[in-house]
Amino acid sequence: MNTFMNYRFFFRSSFLLAILFLSLAGGSRANAQGSDCLSQSVPNDPQGSVIWAPAFCQEFNSTTPAPPDQTVWSFDTGNSGFGNNEIEVYCGPPGFTNNPSGCPTTFSTSNSNAYIDGSGHLLIKTFTIGTTWYSARLKTQGLMNFKYGRIEGKIQLPDTTNQGLWPAFWSLGGNITTVPWPGCGEADILEVWSPAVLGGPGPNGNRSTLHTASTDGSGVQPNGQFTFPTGQANSTGLHTYGMIWSANMQQYYIDNPLKPYYIATTSNLSSGDTWPFNLNIFLLMNIAVGGTLGGTPSASTANPGVMMVDYVRQYQASAAVPKPTLGNPASITVKAGATTGNSTTLTPGLTSGTGFVYLSCATTAPKASCSVATNDPLNIHVLNSSPAGAAETATVTVTTTANSLVPPSLFDPRRLLRFPVVIIAVVLLLVVATLAPRLRKRASSLVFATAALLILAGMTIASCGGGGSSMSPPPPPPNGTTPGSYTITVYAFTESNVSDGTNANADASVPITLTVN
């Protein structure tokens, strides 16, 4: 009996273990299909002191040619010009909803505008059929949203020496259906067009631009411009184009995340503009033909033009970077409206290798504002944790409003009644003085008497307050920064900050005492 029970126990245990194993295996497969990072063995990527863990991975490692994964990528279709007067017809995979006539109905690498080549790449191809250009515009809209982290693609572009092609790797705000462009925000990680059109970067560079509600098509100024080292080009090899995206800040880089060439922050926006980049986005990749920046295609335009994508990834910091220390900056004492002696300097303590920190400020003083300016060469609103020389510093400046110098008596309502009467009397006196030689003695005396009575009446009304009130004159209304004690607070946001960007969620802050005289 003991033997039977042992066998039964063994059988049941083995059965349960098998179920457990299959459940775990199934769970791993589901996770792998969801992000594709685990199944593709994409490792963590240490950069400086920050360890970036892969969170989304499209590696395009199918061993046989096939259309892109439609659980991740959707497609814009048609030839509407897409707001830029483009001339291409965008096609989805064969059978894709709303594919225009002329798009392929069966899959083939020879006639598809977007496909996985079987050698580890996604290819986006634009070419002509007759005189019509066909291309592809992939997007994750409605399938995959992103928020913060490091987003990058390893890409080789078609030759853009001559006019015609306009490839891009970019993002739009996930709320575009309710907040139309440009209010939803657009961030161009990679955007290249011919130097013959408005000085485009061509094969030797890249342009990164942020579009907001107020900046529209021109984007936040200045744009980010990158030039490849001698011997390199975007059309002759794969390069990594990415951005490090955190609350209130975006950093753009090529090949080296530790050396961004362009940084934009909320403080780079003009007054009244809105920073739309603390919300979800979706990604896009495409080759446009013609249009605002594409220019006019010709026989010299690359045909076919091929955009080769090795991967598209999103990384997240595996842990928050150490919080910066902001020291104990000196207080500011200033007379309202003064433009000197209204600043203080601080040297924050940053852990080396933790990237850039964005600084902003706010003050409790009325009719006043503050600003933070650093000595960083890329952006005066950030600090580099690993500068080439000495530690970078920040200067905090407060701007107050001067109070009026008008005497309080001018604001006394009793005295205000005197002004029109006195003015009339003065005018009469001037008239009399001018016409006295022509007037009869009796008439001039009458006019002088009238003027005198008016002056006396004005003085009487003012002295009596219009009704015998003994009310004292009120002080002048406040029209500047009221003297008193206030606070300026400096806020620091690191590149691992994934909050809504409000001051309450800053990584660090420090108060500065402000006294206004």
Protein backbone atom coordinates (compact mmCIF):
# COMPACT_ATOMS: atom_id res chain seq x y z
CA MET A 1 0.00 0.00 0.00
CA ASN A 2 2.82 2.36 0.78
CA THR A 3 4.29 1.60 -2.61
CA PHE A 4 0.97 2.30 -4.34
CA MET A 5 0.59 5.56 -2.50
CA ASN A 6 4.14 6.57 -3.39
CA TYR A 7 3.52 5.82 -7.04
CA ARG A 8 0.26 7.74 -6.95
CA PHE A 9 1.96 10.66 -5.23
CA PHE A 10 4.74 10.58 -7.78
CA PHE A 11 2.28 10.50 -10.68
CA ARG A 12 0.22 13.38 -9.35
CA SER A 13 3.30 15.42 -8.51
CA SER A 14 4.74 14.88 -11.96
CA PHE A 15 1.43 15.91 -13.52
CA LEU A 16 1.29 19.09 -11.47
CA LEU A 17 4.92 19.90 -12.25
CA ALA A 18 4.25 19.45 -15.97
CA ILE A 19 1.30 21.83 -15.81
CA LEU A 20 3.41 24.32 -13.89
CA PHE A 21 6.21 24.07 -16.42
CA LEU A 22 3.86 24.57 -19.35
CA SER A 23 2.24 27.55 -17.63
CA LEU A 24 5.58 29.20 -17.00
CA ALA A 25 6.73 28.49 -20.55
CA GLY A 26 3.51 29.87 -21.96
CA GLY A 27 3.84 32.99 -19.83
CA SER A 28 7.40 33.54 -21.07
CA ARG A 29 6.29 33.25 -24.67
CA ALA A 30 3.49 35.74 -24.14
CA ASN A 31 5.92 38.20 -22.63
CA ALA A 32 8.38 37.70 -25.46
CA GLN A 33 5.71 38.30 -28.10
CA GLY A 34 4.53 41.40 -26.28
CA SER A 35 7.82 43.29 -26.26
CA ASP A 36 10.10 40.98 -28.26
CA CYS A 37 13.06 42.03 -26.08
CA LEU A 38 13.34 38.78 -24.13
CA SER A 39 12.97 36.46 -27.11
CA GLN A 40 15.53 38.46 -29.07
CA SER A 41 17.95 38.47 -26.11
CA VAL A 42 18.38 42.25 -26.16
CA PRO A 43 20.65 43.03 -23.19
CA ASN A 44 20.70 45.97 -20.80
CA ASP A 45 22.66 48.92 -22.13
CA PRO A 46 24.85 50.70 -19.52
CA GLN A 47 25.59 54.32 -20.44
CA GLY A 48 27.72 56.14 -17.90
CA SER A 49 26.22 55.39 -14.49
CA VAL A 50 22.75 54.70 -15.90
CA ILE A 51 21.67 51.18 -16.80
CA TRP A 52 19.04 51.20 -19.53
CA ALA A 53 16.78 48.15 -19.64
CA PRO A 54 15.03 47.30 -22.93
CA ALA A 55 11.24 47.69 -22.71
CA PHE A 56 10.18 47.53 -26.38
CA CYS A 57 12.15 45.86 -29.14
CA GLN A 58 11.43 45.44 -32.82
CA GLU A 59 14.48 43.57 -34.13
CA PHE A 60 13.05 42.47 -37.52
CA ASN A 61 14.87 39.15 -37.22
CA SER A 62 12.50 36.99 -39.24
CA THR A 63 14.52 34.54 -41.31
CA THR A 64 12.13 34.75 -44.24
CA PRO A 65 10.85 37.88 -46.00
CA ALA A 66 7.47 39.01 -44.69
CA PRO A 67 5.33 42.10 -44.12
CA PRO A 68 5.90 44.04 -40.85
CA ASP A 69 4.16 42.81 -37.70
CA GLN A 70 0.68 44.32 -37.86
CA THR A 71 0.17 43.87 -34.13
CA VAL A 72 2.81 46.59 -33.71
CA TRP A 73 2.73 48.60 -36.94
CA SER A 74 -0.16 50.22 -38.73
CA PHE A 75 0.05 52.20 -41.98
CA ASP A 76 -1.05 55.53 -43.36
CA THR A 77 -2.36 55.12 -46.89
CA GLY A 78 -3.29 57.28 -49.85
CA ASN A 79 -2.00 60.38 -51.59
CA SER A 80 -3.56 63.24 -49.61
CA GLY A 81 -0.27 65.16 -49.49
CA PHE A 82 -0.33 64.85 -45.68
CA GLY A 83 -0.25 68.60 -45.12
CA ASN A 84 3.10 69.00 -46.91
CA ASN A 85 2.12 68.78 -50.61
CA GLU A 86 3.81 65.38 -50.84
CA ILE A 87 3.28 63.48 -54.11
CA GLU A 88 3.75 59.83 -53.09
CA VAL A 89 1.04 57.22 -52.69
CA TYR A 90 1.41 55.41 -49.38
CA CYS A 91 0.65 51.67 -49.36
CA GLY A 92 0.16 49.18 -46.57
CA PRO A 93 0.88 45.45 -46.89
CA PRO A 94 -1.16 43.49 -49.45
CA GLY A 95 -4.80 43.45 -48.40
CA PHE A 96 -4.39 46.28 -45.89
CA THR A 97 -7.59 48.26 -45.29
CA ASN A 98 -7.89 51.37 -47.49
CA ASN A 99 -4.96 50.47 -49.73
CA PRO A 100 -5.30 52.61 -52.87
CA SER A 101 -5.42 51.08 -56.31
CA GLY A 102 -1.92 50.48 -57.57
CA CYS A 103 -0.72 49.09 -54.22
CA PRO A 104 0.34 45.40 -54.29
CA THR A 105 -2.33 42.76 -53.77
CA THR A 106 0.11 39.90 -53.15
CA PHE A 107 3.32 39.96 -51.13
CA SER A 108 6.64 40.13 -52.92
CA THR A 109 9.89 41.84 -52.02
CA SER A 110 9.95 43.31 -55.50
CA ASN A 111 6.66 45.18 -55.24
CA SER A 112 6.24 45.87 -51.48
CA ASN A 113 7.00 49.25 -49.97
CA ALA A 114 7.66 47.90 -46.47
CA TYR A 115 8.83 44.41 -45.52
CA ILE A 116 11.24 42.42 -43.38
CA ASP A 117 14.03 41.26 -45.67
CA GLY A 118 14.87 37.95 -43.96
CA SER A 119 18.35 39.22 -43.06
CA GLY A 120 17.50 41.15 -39.89
CA HIS A 121 16.18 44.40 -41.34
CA LEU A 122 12.97 46.25 -42.08
CA LEU A 123 13.11 47.89 -45.50
CA ILE A 124 10.99 50.90 -46.43
CA LYS A 125 11.19 51.42 -50.19
CA THR A 126 9.94 54.16 -52.45
CA PHE A 127 9.89 53.70 -56.21
CA THR A 128 7.96 54.65 -59.31
CA ILE A 129 5.45 52.63 -61.26
CA GLY A 130 5.02 54.59 -64.44
CA THR A 131 5.17 58.18 -63.25
CA THR A 132 3.64 57.55 -59.82
CA TRP A 133 5.78 57.32 -56.70
CA TYR A 134 4.79 54.66 -54.15
CA SER A 135 6.11 54.53 -50.59
CA ALA A 136 5.23 53.46 -47.02
CA ARG A 137 4.53 55.24 -43.76
CA LEU A 138 4.53 52.97 -40.71
CA LYS A 139 3.15 54.02 -37.32
CA THR A 140 2.36 52.45 -33.95
CA GLN A 141 -0.77 54.60 -33.48
CA GLY A 142 -3.59 52.68 -31.84
CA LEU A 143 -1.29 49.72 -31.17
CA MET A 144 1.62 50.91 -29.06
CA ASN A 145 2.12 54.13 -27.10
CA PHE A 146 5.36 55.27 -25.48
CA LYS A 147 6.19 57.57 -22.61
CA TYR A 148 9.70 58.55 -21.54
CA GLY A 149 12.92 56.54 -21.62
CA ARG A 150 15.41 56.17 -24.45
CA ILE A 151 13.89 55.70 -27.88
CA GLU A 152 16.20 54.86 -30.76
CA GLY A 153 16.37 53.31 -34.18
CA LYS A 154 19.39 51.96 -36.02
CA ILE A 155 18.88 53.15 -39.58
CA GLN A 156 20.55 53.65 -42.96
CA LEU A 157 18.96 56.19 -45.31
CA PRO A 158 18.62 56.54 -49.07
CA ASP A 159 20.84 59.05 -50.83
CA THR A 160 19.37 62.55 -50.42
CA THR A 161 22.04 64.45 -52.32
CA ASN A 162 19.49 65.39 -54.96
CA GLN A 163 15.96 66.62 -54.44
CA GLY A 164 13.02 64.25 -54.16
CA LEU A 165 13.20 62.10 -51.01
CA TRP A 166 12.43 63.03 -47.41
CA PRO A 167 12.96 60.14 -44.92
CA ALA A 168 12.09 60.47 -41.24
CA PHE A 169 11.86 58.63 -37.89
CA TRP A 170 9.60 60.65 -35.63
CA SER A 171 6.71 60.81 -33.16
CA LEU A 172 3.31 62.43 -32.70
CA GLY A 173 1.25 62.96 -29.56
CA GLY A 174 -1.08 60.08 -28.77
CA ASN A 175 -3.91 62.59 -28.29
CA ILE A 176 -3.78 63.82 -31.90
CA THR A 177 -7.38 62.81 -32.53
CA THR A 178 -8.58 65.27 -29.86
CA VAL A 179 -5.70 67.79 -29.94
CA PRO A 180 -4.87 68.33 -33.62
CA TRP A 181 -1.36 68.96 -34.90
CA PRO A 182 0.70 70.89 -33.92
CA GLY A 183 -0.85 71.17 -30.45
CA CYS A 184 -0.41 67.43 -29.88
CA GLY A 185 3.33 67.82 -30.37
CA GLU A 186 5.72 66.37 -32.94
CA ALA A 187 9.28 65.27 -32.21
CA ASP A 188 11.53 64.54 -35.19
CA ILE A 189 14.32 62.21 -34.10
CA LEU A 190 15.60 61.81 -37.66
CA GLU A 191 14.65 64.03 -40.58
CA VAL A 192 16.76 64.40 -43.72
CA TRP A 193 16.25 66.07 -47.07
CA SER A 194 18.40 67.49 -49.86
CA PRO A 195 20.76 70.43 -49.22
CA ALA A 196 19.24 71.96 -52.37
CA VAL A 197 15.97 72.58 -50.46
CA LEU A 198 16.24 75.16 -47.69
CA GLY A 199 19.72 73.97 -46.75
CA GLY A 200 18.70 70.44 -45.78
CA PRO A 201 21.24 68.19 -44.02
CA GLY A 202 21.56 65.75 -46.95
CA PRO A 203 23.73 62.62 -46.58
CA ASN A 204 26.17 64.35 -44.22
CA GLY A 205 23.84 65.20 -41.34
CA ASN A 206 20.52 65.12 -39.56
CA ARG A 207 17.92 67.57 -38.30
CA SER A 208 15.89 67.20 -35.09
CA THR A 209 12.90 69.46 -34.52
CA LEU A 210 10.15 69.82 -31.91
CA HIS A 211 6.84 71.20 -33.13
CA THR A 212 4.43 72.78 -30.64
CA ALA A 213 1.19 74.77 -30.76
CA SER A 214 2.97 78.11 -31.15
CA THR A 215 5.97 77.05 -33.23
CA ASP A 216 3.92 75.24 -35.90
CA GLY A 217 5.98 74.15 -38.91
CA SER A 218 9.17 76.00 -38.02
CA GLY A 219 9.51 74.19 -34.70
CA VAL A 220 11.24 75.21 -31.49
CA GLN A 221 14.24 77.38 -32.32
CA PRO A 222 17.00 76.61 -32.74
CA ASN A 223 16.50 73.18 -34.31
CA GLY A 224 18.97 70.41 -33.58
CA GLN A 225 21.60 70.03 -36.29
CA PHE A 226 24.16 67.23 -36.54
CA THR A 227 27.03 66.77 -38.98
CA PHE A 228 28.73 63.38 -39.35
CA PRO A 229 32.48 63.10 -38.94
CA THR A 230 34.52 63.05 -42.12
CA GLY A 231 34.17 59.72 -43.90
CA GLN A 232 30.70 58.94 -42.51
CA ALA A 233 27.26 59.53 -43.99
CA ASN A 234 23.69 58.59 -43.20
CA SER A 235 23.38 56.83 -46.57
CA THR A 236 26.50 54.64 -46.41
CA GLY A 237 26.04 52.83 -43.11
CA LEU A 238 23.74 52.13 -40.18
CA HIS A 239 23.66 54.77 -37.43
CA THR A 240 21.73 54.93 -34.18
CA TYR A 241 19.33 57.88 -33.99
CA GLY A 242 17.76 58.42 -30.60
CA MET A 243 16.39 60.64 -27.90
CA ILE A 244 16.56 60.46 -24.12
CA TRP A 245 13.13 61.61 -23.05
CA SER A 246 12.18 62.63 -19.52
CA ALA A 247 9.80 65.05 -17.84
CA ASN A 248 10.30 68.55 -19.33
CA MET A 249 13.39 67.58 -21.35
CA GLN A 250 14.40 65.78 -24.55
CA GLN A 251 18.00 65.00 -25.54
CA TYR A 252 18.88 63.97 -29.11
CA TYR A 253 21.93 61.91 -30.05
CA ILE A 254 23.47 59.91 -32.87
CA ASP A 255 25.47 56.76 -32.06
CA ASN A 256 26.41 57.90 -28.51
CA PRO A 257 23.70 58.53 -25.89
CA LEU A 258 26.27 60.20 -23.62
CA LYS A 259 26.89 62.97 -26.14
CA PRO A 260 23.64 64.59 -27.25
CA TYR A 261 23.93 67.25 -29.94
CA TYR A 262 20.61 68.91 -29.12
CA ILE A 263 18.58 69.40 -25.93
CA ALA A 264 15.18 71.05 -25.67
CA THR A 265 13.28 71.87 -22.47
CA THR A 266 10.06 73.57 -21.44
CA SER A 267 12.06 76.73 -20.80
CA ASN A 268 12.94 76.92 -24.50
CA LEU A 269 9.31 77.66 -25.36
CA SER A 270 8.07 81.19 -25.88
CA SER A 271 5.60 82.75 -23.47
CA GLY A 272 2.13 81.32 -23.95
CA ASP A 273 3.28 78.12 -25.66
CA THR A 274 2.57 74.67 -24.20
CA TRP A 275 5.01 71.76 -23.75
CA PRO A 276 3.12 68.72 -25.11
CA PHE A 277 5.85 66.16 -24.52
CA ASN A 278 4.95 64.93 -21.02
CA LEU A 279 2.21 62.76 -22.55
CA ASN A 280 2.06 59.54 -24.56
CA ILE A 281 3.38 59.41 -28.12
CA PHE A 282 3.37 56.97 -31.00
CA LEU A 283 6.23 56.39 -33.45
CA LEU A 284 6.37 56.78 -37.22
CA MET A 285 8.85 55.90 -39.99
CA ASN A 286 8.46 56.86 -43.63
CA ILE A 287 9.96 58.14 -46.85
CA ALA A 288 8.01 61.07 -48.24
CA VAL A 289 8.46 62.16 -51.83
CA GLY A 290 8.38 65.79 -52.91
CA GLY A 291 6.54 68.35 -50.83
CA THR A 292 7.70 71.20 -48.61
CA LEU A 293 11.13 69.75 -47.86
CA GLY A 294 11.38 66.86 -50.31
CA GLY A 295 11.70 69.15 -53.28
CA THR A 296 11.15 68.10 -56.88
CA PRO A 297 12.07 64.53 -57.89
CA SER A 298 14.13 64.09 -61.04
CA ALA A 299 16.05 61.45 -62.91
CA SER A 300 18.82 61.99 -60.32
CA THR A 301 16.58 61.04 -57.38
CA ALA A 302 17.37 57.64 -55.84
CA ASN A 303 14.84 55.23 -57.38
CA PRO A 304 14.27 52.99 -55.58
CA GLY A 305 15.08 54.84 -52.39
CA VAL A 306 15.61 52.45 -49.49
CA MET A 307 15.48 53.13 -45.75
CA MET A 308 17.02 50.15 -43.91
CA VAL A 309 16.06 49.72 -40.24
CA ASP A 310 18.05 47.30 -38.09
CA TYR A 311 15.91 47.81 -34.97
CA VAL A 312 13.59 50.17 -33.10
CA ARG A 313 13.82 50.09 -29.29
CA GLN A 314 12.63 51.81 -26.16
CA TYR A 315 14.78 51.56 -23.03
CA GLN A 316 13.83 52.59 -19.51
CA ALA A 317 16.27 53.48 -16.73
CA SER A 318 16.46 50.41 -14.49
CA ALA A 319 16.62 52.70 -11.44
CA ALA A 320 16.23 56.40 -10.74
CA VAL A 321 19.50 58.26 -10.97
CA PRO A 322 20.80 59.81 -7.72
CA LYS A 323 19.08 63.06 -6.84
CA PRO A 324 21.18 66.18 -7.35
CA THR A 325 22.08 68.37 -4.41
CA LEU A 326 21.44 72.06 -4.89
CA GLY A 327 23.46 73.48 -2.01
CA ASN A 328 22.56 76.55 0.02
CA PRO A 329 22.42 79.50 -2.40
CA ALA A 330 22.74 83.01 -1.01
CA SER A 331 19.60 85.07 -0.46
CA ILE A 332 18.65 88.01 -2.67
CA THR A 333 17.75 91.48 -1.35
CA VAL A 334 16.59 93.91 -4.00
CA LYS A 335 14.59 97.08 -4.50
CA ALA A 336 11.47 96.52 -6.58
CA GLY A 337 12.34 97.01 -10.24
CA ALA A 338 16.12 96.82 -9.77
CA THR A 339 18.12 95.13 -12.52
CA THR A 340 21.34 94.71 -10.54
CA GLY A 341 21.94 92.70 -7.39
CA ASN A 342 18.95 90.55 -8.31
CA SER A 343 20.68 87.20 -8.82
CA THR A 344 22.49 84.43 -6.99
CA THR A 345 24.63 81.52 -8.17
CA LEU A 346 24.60 77.85 -7.19
CA THR A 347 26.80 74.89 -8.07
CA PRO A 348 24.67 71.74 -7.83
CA GLY A 349 26.20 68.43 -6.90
CA LEU A 350 25.57 65.86 -9.65
CA THR A 351 26.65 62.22 -9.72
CA SER A 352 29.05 61.77 -12.62
CA GLY A 353 27.68 59.79 -15.55
CA THR A 354 24.02 60.45 -14.79
CA GLY A 355 23.38 62.61 -17.82
CA PHE A 356 21.77 66.03 -17.86
CA VAL A 357 19.56 67.78 -15.31
CA TYR A 358 16.94 70.37 -16.21
CA LEU A 359 16.54 73.37 -13.86
CA SER A 360 13.56 75.68 -13.49
CA CYS A 361 12.27 78.05 -10.82
CA ALA A 362 9.21 79.78 -9.39
CA THR A 363 8.72 82.69 -6.98
CA THR A 364 6.00 83.69 -4.53
CA ALA A 365 6.64 87.43 -5.08
CA PRO A 366 3.75 89.24 -6.81
CA LYS A 367 4.32 90.82 -10.20
CA ALA A 368 7.69 89.10 -10.39
CA SER A 369 9.31 86.24 -12.28
CA CYS A 370 12.50 84.24 -12.08
CA SER A 371 14.78 82.40 -14.47
CA VAL A 372 17.68 79.96 -14.29
CA ALA A 373 20.62 80.22 -16.68
CA THR A 374 23.51 77.74 -16.70
CA ASN A 375 26.85 77.80 -18.47
CA ASP A 376 26.20 74.55 -20.35
CA PRO A 377 27.17 74.96 -24.03
CA LEU A 378 24.25 72.91 -25.37
CA ASN A 379 21.36 74.46 -23.48
CA ILE A 380 21.36 77.19 -20.83
CA HIS A 381 18.58 75.47 -18.90
CA VAL A 382 20.45 72.21 -18.15
CA LEU A 383 23.53 70.99 -16.34
CA ASN A 384 25.86 68.21 -17.49
CA SER A 385 26.82 65.69 -14.83
CA SER A 386 30.03 64.94 -16.76
CA PRO A 387 31.31 68.24 -18.19
CA ALA A 388 34.59 68.42 -20.04
CA GLY A 389 35.95 70.95 -17.53
CA ALA A 390 34.89 72.31 -14.16
CA ALA A 391 31.48 71.65 -12.68
CA GLU A 392 28.79 73.72 -14.35
CA THR A 393 26.98 76.43 -12.43
CA ALA A 394 23.54 78.03 -12.51
CA THR A 395 22.55 81.64 -11.98
CA VAL A 396 19.10 82.40 -10.62
CA THR A 397 17.74 85.84 -11.51
CA VAL A 398 14.57 87.48 -10.24
CA THR A 399 12.76 90.23 -12.13
CA THR A 400 10.51 92.48 -10.05
CA THR A 401 8.25 95.37 -10.99
CA ALA A 402 9.02 98.89 -9.78
CA ASN A 403 6.35 100.72 -7.79
CA SER A 404 4.95 104.06 -9.04
CA LEU A 405 6.71 107.35 -8.16
CA VAL A 406 3.49 109.40 -8.50
CA PRO A 407 2.79 111.40 -5.27
CA PRO A 408 -0.05 109.97 -3.12
CA SER A 409 -1.90 113.32 -3.26
CA LEU A 410 -2.67 112.70 -6.90
CA PHE A 411 -4.78 109.72 -5.91
CA ASP A 412 -6.88 111.80 -3.39
CA PRO A 413 -10.45 111.87 -4.84
CA ARG A 414 -11.09 115.27 -3.17
CA ARG A 415 -8.16 116.80 -4.98
CA LEU A 416 -9.14 115.17 -8.24
CA LEU A 417 -12.31 117.36 -8.22
CA ARG A 418 -10.16 120.49 -8.24
CA PHE A 419 -8.34 119.74 -11.49
CA PRO A 420 -11.08 120.41 -14.08
CA VAL A 421 -12.18 123.62 -12.28
CA VAL A 422 -8.64 124.97 -12.05
CA ILE A 423 -7.95 124.08 -15.68
CA ILE A 424 -11.04 126.02 -16.84
CA ALA A 425 -10.03 129.02 -14.70
CA VAL A 426 -6.49 129.00 -16.12
CA VAL A 427 -7.84 128.88 -19.65
CA LEU A 428 -10.08 131.85 -18.91
CA LEU A 429 -7.19 133.80 -17.47
CA LEU A 430 -5.09 133.10 -20.56
CA VAL A 431 -7.93 134.22 -22.80
CA VAL A 432 -8.40 137.39 -20.81
CA ALA A 433 -4.68 138.12 -20.82
CA THR A 434 -4.63 137.72 -24.59
CA LEU A 435 -7.76 139.72 -25.32
CA ALA A 436 -7.48 142.31 -22.56
CA PRO A 437 -6.34 145.10 -24.88
CA ARG A 438 -9.43 144.57 -27.04
CA LEU A 439 -11.99 144.17 -24.25
CA ARG A 440 -13.67 146.91 -22.41
CA LYS A 441 -12.53 147.41 -18.88
CA ARG A 442 -15.86 146.30 -17.49
CA ALA A 443 -15.92 143.07 -19.52
CA SER A 444 -12.36 142.07 -18.64
CA SER A 445 -13.02 142.66 -14.98
CA LEU A 446 -16.02 140.35 -15.21
CA VAL A 447 -13.98 137.58 -16.78
CA PHE A 448 -11.20 137.92 -14.19
CA ALA A 449 -13.78 137.75 -11.43
CA THR A 450 -15.34 134.61 -12.93
CA ALA A 451 -11.94 132.90 -13.12
CA ALA A 452 -11.16 133.80 -9.53
CA LEU A 453 -14.53 132.43 -8.36
CA LEU A 454 -13.88 129.16 -10.22
CA ILE A 455 -10.48 128.75 -8.54
CA LEU A 456 -12.00 129.45 -5.12
CA ALA A 457 -14.82 126.99 -5.83
CA GLY A 458 -12.35 124.25 -6.75
CA MET A 459 -10.33 124.81 -3.58
CA THR A 460 -13.51 124.83 -1.47
CA ILE A 461 -14.80 121.59 -2.99
CA ALA A 462 -11.45 119.90 -2.49
CA SER A 463 -11.06 121.08 1.08
CA CYS A 464 -14.59 120.04 1.99
CA GLY A 465 -14.28 116.68 0.29
CA GLY A 466 -17.43 117.37 -1.66
CA GLY A 467 -19.60 116.95 1.41
CA GLY A 468 -17.67 117.69 4.56
CA SER A 469 -16.08 114.25 4.96
CA SER A 470 -12.99 114.03 7.11
CA MET A 471 -11.75 110.89 5.31
CA SER A 472 -7.97 110.87 4.88
CA PRO A 473 -6.48 110.33 1.41
CA PRO A 474 -6.01 106.61 0.50
CA PRO A 475 -2.53 105.32 -0.35
CA PRO A 476 -1.63 104.90 -4.01
CA PRO A 477 -2.83 101.60 -5.48
CA PRO A 478 -0.11 98.88 -5.64
CA ASN A 479 1.26 98.78 -9.16
CA GLY A 480 4.53 96.92 -8.65
CA THR A 481 6.08 94.19 -6.52
CA THR A 482 4.97 94.87 -2.97
CA PRO A 483 7.89 95.16 -0.54
CA GLY A 484 8.18 92.11 1.70
CA SER A 485 9.79 88.70 2.20
CA TYR A 486 9.29 86.01 -0.42
CA THR A 487 10.78 82.77 -1.73
CA ILE A 488 12.35 81.66 -4.99
CA THR A 489 12.41 77.87 -5.40
CA VAL A 490 14.73 76.12 -7.83
CA TYR A 491 13.60 72.71 -9.14
CA ALA A 492 15.74 69.96 -10.67
CA PHE A 493 14.53 67.20 -13.02
CA THR A 494 16.88 64.33 -13.90
CA GLU A 495 16.79 62.25 -17.08
CA SER A 496 15.11 59.39 -15.20
CA ASN A 497 12.17 61.55 -14.06
CA VAL A 498 8.97 60.01 -15.45
CA SER A 499 6.45 62.27 -13.70
CA ASP A 500 3.93 64.73 -15.12
CA GLY A 501 6.61 67.42 -14.98
CA THR A 502 4.99 69.57 -12.30
CA ASN A 503 7.21 71.20 -9.69
CA ALA A 504 5.73 68.99 -6.99
CA ASN A 505 7.34 65.99 -8.72
CA ALA A 506 10.82 67.42 -9.22
CA ASP A 507 13.74 65.23 -8.13
CA ALA A 508 15.17 67.99 -5.95
CA SER A 509 14.47 71.59 -4.96
CA VAL A 510 16.00 74.37 -2.89
CA PRO A 511 14.43 77.60 -1.56
CA ILE A 512 16.13 80.99 -1.89
CA THR A 513 15.08 83.83 0.39
CA LEU A 514 14.00 86.95 -1.50
CA THR A 515 13.58 90.33 0.22
CA VAL A 516 12.00 93.16 -1.78
CA ASN A 517 12.44 96.71 -0.48
